[in-house]
Amino acid sequence: MDFVVTGLQTIASMGPMVMMPIIILILGLIFRVKINVLLKSALLVGIGFAGVNMVINWFVAQVADSVTNMVANWGIQTSIMDVGWPARAAAT
């Protein structure tokens, strides 16, 4: 049982770009999807998560300096950066 838990923790620690294609592969095998369609779908899910991750990281890098300057100029205290609903919509 420890082997299964360790394996699942290892896969989960790799992030959604690795975990979601594996889940898609497992679900596709359960539902007997053709292997070529299944591999294409799993790869597209992984590439999609990588693309969303790149866009969000780029957006945060662009906005972070402005947010830091606003916090310093206005004298407010904040521990998070709210990027608004478009970034959250893209992430989901």
N, C-alpha and C. Protein backbone atom coordinates (compact mmCIF):
# COMPACT_ATOMS: atom_id res chain seq x y z
N MET A 1 0.81 -1.19 0.00
CA MET A 1 0.00 0.00 0.00
C MET A 1 0.86 1.25 0.00
N ASP A 2 1.99 1.19 0.71
CA ASP A 2 2.90 2.34 0.73
C ASP A 2 3.44 2.64 -0.66
N PHE A 3 3.62 1.61 -1.47
CA PHE A 3 4.10 1.79 -2.83
C PHE A 3 3.12 2.62 -3.65
N VAL A 4 1.84 2.33 -3.51
CA VAL A 4 0.80 3.07 -4.26
C VAL A 4 0.75 4.52 -3.80
N VAL A 5 0.78 4.74 -2.49
CA VAL A 5 0.73 6.10 -1.95
C VAL A 5 1.95 6.90 -2.38
N THR A 6 3.12 6.29 -2.33
CA THR A 6 4.34 6.96 -2.76
C THR A 6 4.28 7.29 -4.25
N GLY A 7 3.78 6.38 -5.05
CA GLY A 7 3.65 6.62 -6.49
C GLY A 7 2.69 7.76 -6.79
N LEU A 8 1.55 7.78 -6.10
CA LEU A 8 0.58 8.86 -6.31
C LEU A 8 1.12 10.21 -5.85
N GLN A 9 1.86 10.24 -4.75
CA GLN A 9 2.46 11.48 -4.27
C GLN A 9 3.52 11.98 -5.24
N THR A 10 4.28 11.07 -5.83
CA THR A 10 5.30 11.46 -6.81
C THR A 10 4.65 12.08 -8.04
N ILE A 11 3.59 11.46 -8.53
CA ILE A 11 2.89 11.99 -9.70
C ILE A 11 2.27 13.34 -9.38
N ALA A 12 1.65 13.47 -8.21
CA ALA A 12 1.01 14.73 -7.82
C ALA A 12 2.03 15.85 -7.65
N SER A 13 3.23 15.53 -7.20
CA SER A 13 4.25 16.55 -7.01
C SER A 13 4.81 17.08 -8.33
N MET A 14 4.59 16.37 -9.42
CA MET A 14 5.07 16.82 -10.73
C MET A 14 4.23 17.95 -11.31
N GLY A 15 3.07 18.19 -10.75
CA GLY A 15 2.23 19.28 -11.20
C GLY A 15 1.21 18.85 -12.23
N PRO A 16 0.34 19.78 -12.60
CA PRO A 16 -0.77 19.45 -13.50
C PRO A 16 -0.33 19.11 -14.92
N MET A 17 0.84 19.61 -15.34
CA MET A 17 1.29 19.33 -16.70
C MET A 17 1.63 17.85 -16.90
N VAL A 18 1.95 17.15 -15.84
CA VAL A 18 2.24 15.72 -15.91
C VAL A 18 1.05 14.90 -15.40
N MET A 19 0.44 15.39 -14.32
CA MET A 19 -0.62 14.63 -13.67
C MET A 19 -1.87 14.50 -14.55
N MET A 20 -2.30 15.57 -15.18
CA MET A 20 -3.53 15.53 -15.96
C MET A 20 -3.44 14.61 -17.19
N PRO A 21 -2.35 14.62 -17.96
CA PRO A 21 -2.26 13.65 -19.05
C PRO A 21 -2.29 12.20 -18.57
N ILE A 22 -1.69 11.93 -17.41
CA ILE A 22 -1.74 10.57 -16.87
C ILE A 22 -3.17 10.20 -16.51
N ILE A 23 -3.90 11.14 -15.90
CA ILE A 23 -5.30 10.88 -15.56
C ILE A 23 -6.12 10.66 -16.82
N ILE A 24 -5.88 11.46 -17.85
CA ILE A 24 -6.59 11.29 -19.12
C ILE A 24 -6.29 9.92 -19.72
N LEU A 25 -5.03 9.50 -19.65
CA LEU A 25 -4.66 8.18 -20.16
C LEU A 25 -5.39 7.07 -19.40
N ILE A 26 -5.42 7.17 -18.10
CA ILE A 26 -6.08 6.13 -17.29
C ILE A 26 -7.57 6.09 -17.59
N LEU A 27 -8.21 7.26 -17.63
CA LEU A 27 -9.65 7.29 -17.93
C LEU A 27 -9.94 6.78 -19.34
N GLY A 28 -9.08 7.13 -20.28
CA GLY A 28 -9.26 6.65 -21.65
C GLY A 28 -9.13 5.14 -21.76
N LEU A 29 -8.18 4.58 -21.02
CA LEU A 29 -8.02 3.13 -21.01
C LEU A 29 -9.23 2.45 -20.39
N ILE A 30 -9.78 3.07 -19.33
CA ILE A 30 -10.97 2.49 -18.70
C ILE A 30 -12.15 2.48 -19.67
N PHE A 31 -12.31 3.58 -20.42
CA PHE A 31 -13.44 3.69 -21.35
C PHE A 31 -13.13 3.15 -22.75
N ARG A 32 -11.99 2.51 -22.90
CA ARG A 32 -11.58 1.84 -24.14
C ARG A 32 -11.56 2.76 -25.36
N VAL A 33 -10.93 3.91 -25.18
CA VAL A 33 -10.76 4.85 -26.28
C VAL A 33 -9.60 4.35 -27.14
N LYS A 34 -9.66 4.62 -28.45
CA LYS A 34 -8.57 4.21 -29.34
C LYS A 34 -7.27 4.85 -28.86
N ILE A 35 -6.19 4.08 -28.93
CA ILE A 35 -4.92 4.51 -28.34
C ILE A 35 -4.36 5.76 -29.02
N ASN A 36 -4.52 5.89 -30.35
CA ASN A 36 -3.98 7.08 -31.02
C ASN A 36 -4.75 8.33 -30.62
N VAL A 37 -6.07 8.23 -30.48
CA VAL A 37 -6.87 9.37 -30.02
C VAL A 37 -6.54 9.69 -28.57
N LEU A 38 -6.35 8.65 -27.79
CA LEU A 38 -6.05 8.82 -26.37
C LEU A 38 -4.71 9.52 -26.16
N LEU A 39 -3.68 9.09 -26.86
CA LEU A 39 -2.36 9.73 -26.72
C LEU A 39 -2.40 11.18 -27.18
N LYS A 40 -3.09 11.45 -28.28
CA LYS A 40 -3.20 12.82 -28.78
C LYS A 40 -3.92 13.69 -27.75
N SER A 41 -4.99 13.19 -27.18
CA SER A 41 -5.75 13.95 -26.19
C SER A 41 -4.92 14.23 -24.94
N ALA A 42 -4.21 13.22 -24.47
CA ALA A 42 -3.40 13.40 -23.27
C ALA A 42 -2.28 14.41 -23.51
N LEU A 43 -1.64 14.34 -24.67
CA LEU A 43 -0.59 15.31 -24.99
C LEU A 43 -1.15 16.72 -25.11
N LEU A 44 -2.30 16.86 -25.72
CA LEU A 44 -2.91 18.19 -25.86
C LEU A 44 -3.28 18.78 -24.50
N VAL A 45 -3.74 17.95 -23.58
CA VAL A 45 -4.05 18.44 -22.23
C VAL A 45 -2.78 18.93 -21.55
N GLY A 46 -1.70 18.17 -21.66
CA GLY A 46 -0.42 18.58 -21.06
C GLY A 46 0.11 19.86 -21.68
N ILE A 47 0.02 19.97 -23.00
CA ILE A 47 0.48 21.19 -23.68
C ILE A 47 -0.39 22.37 -23.29
N GLY A 48 -1.69 22.15 -23.16
CA GLY A 48 -2.59 23.23 -22.74
C GLY A 48 -2.25 23.74 -21.35
N PHE A 49 -1.99 22.84 -20.41
CA PHE A 49 -1.61 23.27 -19.07
C PHE A 49 -0.27 24.01 -19.10
N ALA A 50 0.67 23.58 -19.92
CA ALA A 50 1.95 24.28 -20.03
C ALA A 50 1.75 25.69 -20.59
N GLY A 51 0.88 25.82 -21.59
CA GLY A 51 0.60 27.14 -22.17
C GLY A 51 -0.05 28.08 -21.18
N VAL A 52 -1.04 27.59 -20.45
CA VAL A 52 -1.70 28.42 -19.44
C VAL A 52 -0.70 28.84 -18.37
N ASN A 53 0.15 27.92 -17.95
CA ASN A 53 1.16 28.22 -16.95
C ASN A 53 2.12 29.31 -17.45
N MET A 54 2.54 29.22 -18.70
CA MET A 54 3.44 30.22 -19.27
C MET A 54 2.78 31.59 -19.33
N VAL A 55 1.52 31.64 -19.75
CA VAL A 55 0.82 32.92 -19.86
C VAL A 55 0.63 33.56 -18.49
N ILE A 56 0.23 32.77 -17.50
CA ILE A 56 0.02 33.32 -16.16
C ILE A 56 1.34 33.81 -15.57
N ASN A 57 2.41 33.04 -15.73
CA ASN A 57 3.72 33.48 -15.22
C ASN A 57 4.17 34.77 -15.91
N TRP A 58 3.94 34.89 -17.21
CA TRP A 58 4.31 36.11 -17.93
C TRP A 58 3.49 37.29 -17.41
N PHE A 59 2.18 37.07 -17.23
CA PHE A 59 1.31 38.14 -16.76
C PHE A 59 1.72 38.61 -15.36
N VAL A 60 1.99 37.68 -14.47
CA VAL A 60 2.40 38.05 -13.11
C VAL A 60 3.72 38.80 -13.14
N ALA A 61 4.65 38.39 -14.01
CA ALA A 61 5.93 39.09 -14.13
C ALA A 61 5.73 40.52 -14.62
N GLN A 62 4.77 40.74 -15.51
CA GLN A 62 4.52 42.07 -16.04
C GLN A 62 3.85 42.97 -15.00
N VAL A 63 2.99 42.41 -14.17
CA VAL A 63 2.19 43.20 -13.24
C VAL A 63 2.87 43.37 -11.88
N ALA A 64 3.78 42.50 -11.53
CA ALA A 64 4.37 42.48 -10.19
C ALA A 64 5.05 43.80 -9.83
N ASP A 65 5.81 44.38 -10.74
CA ASP A 65 6.49 45.65 -10.44
C ASP A 65 5.50 46.77 -10.17
N SER A 66 4.44 46.83 -10.97
CA SER A 66 3.42 47.87 -10.76
C SER A 66 2.73 47.70 -9.42
N VAL A 67 2.41 46.47 -9.07
CA VAL A 67 1.75 46.22 -7.78
C VAL A 67 2.68 46.58 -6.63
N THR A 68 3.94 46.24 -6.74
CA THR A 68 4.91 46.57 -5.70
C THR A 68 5.03 48.08 -5.53
N ASN A 69 5.07 48.81 -6.64
CA ASN A 69 5.15 50.27 -6.58
C ASN A 69 3.88 50.89 -6.00
N MET A 70 2.72 50.35 -6.35
CA MET A 70 1.47 50.86 -5.79
C MET A 70 1.43 50.66 -4.28
N VAL A 71 1.85 49.50 -3.83
CA VAL A 71 1.87 49.21 -2.39
C VAL A 71 2.80 50.17 -1.67
N ALA A 72 3.98 50.42 -2.26
CA ALA A 72 4.94 51.32 -1.64
C ALA A 72 4.43 52.77 -1.64
N ASN A 73 3.82 53.22 -2.74
CA ASN A 73 3.35 54.60 -2.83
C ASN A 73 2.14 54.86 -1.96
N TRP A 74 1.23 53.93 -1.86
CA TRP A 74 0.01 54.13 -1.10
C TRP A 74 0.16 53.74 0.36
N GLY A 75 1.25 53.07 0.70
CA GLY A 75 1.50 52.69 2.08
C GLY A 75 0.55 51.64 2.61
N ILE A 76 0.07 50.78 1.74
CA ILE A 76 -0.83 49.73 2.19
C ILE A 76 -0.04 48.45 2.42
N GLN A 77 -0.63 47.54 3.16
CA GLN A 77 0.01 46.26 3.43
C GLN A 77 -0.79 45.16 2.74
N THR A 78 -0.13 44.35 1.93
CA THR A 78 -0.80 43.26 1.24
C THR A 78 0.12 42.05 1.16
N SER A 79 -0.45 40.88 1.25
CA SER A 79 0.36 39.68 1.16
C SER A 79 0.09 38.89 -0.12
N ILE A 80 -0.92 39.31 -0.89
CA ILE A 80 -1.24 38.63 -2.14
C ILE A 80 -1.41 39.66 -3.24
N MET A 81 -1.34 39.19 -4.49
CA MET A 81 -1.58 40.05 -5.63
C MET A 81 -2.82 39.53 -6.35
N ASP A 82 -3.89 40.31 -6.35
CA ASP A 82 -5.11 39.93 -7.01
C ASP A 82 -5.00 40.32 -8.48
N VAL A 83 -5.02 39.34 -9.37
CA VAL A 83 -4.84 39.61 -10.79
C VAL A 83 -6.16 39.76 -11.53
N GLY A 84 -7.25 39.66 -10.81
CA GLY A 84 -8.56 39.85 -11.43
C GLY A 84 -9.13 38.57 -12.01
N TRP A 85 -10.34 38.68 -12.51
CA TRP A 85 -11.05 37.49 -12.98
C TRP A 85 -10.49 36.91 -14.27
N PRO A 86 -9.90 37.69 -15.23
CA PRO A 86 -9.41 37.04 -16.47
C PRO A 86 -8.31 36.01 -16.23
N ALA A 87 -7.40 36.31 -15.32
CA ALA A 87 -6.31 35.36 -15.05
C ALA A 87 -6.86 34.10 -14.36
N ARG A 88 -7.81 34.30 -13.45
CA ARG A 88 -8.41 33.13 -12.80
C ARG A 88 -9.23 32.31 -13.78
N ALA A 89 -9.90 32.97 -14.70
CA ALA A 89 -10.67 32.26 -15.70
C ALA A 89 -9.75 31.43 -16.61
N ALA A 90 -8.61 32.00 -16.96
CA ALA A 90 -7.65 31.27 -17.79
C ALA A 90 -7.07 30.08 -17.03
N ALA A 91 -6.86 30.26 -15.73
CA ALA A 91 -6.29 29.18 -14.93
C ALA A 91 -7.26 28.02 -14.79
N THR A 92 -8.56 28.34 -14.70
CA THR A 92 -9.53 27.26 -14.54
C THR A 92 -9.85 26.64 -15.87
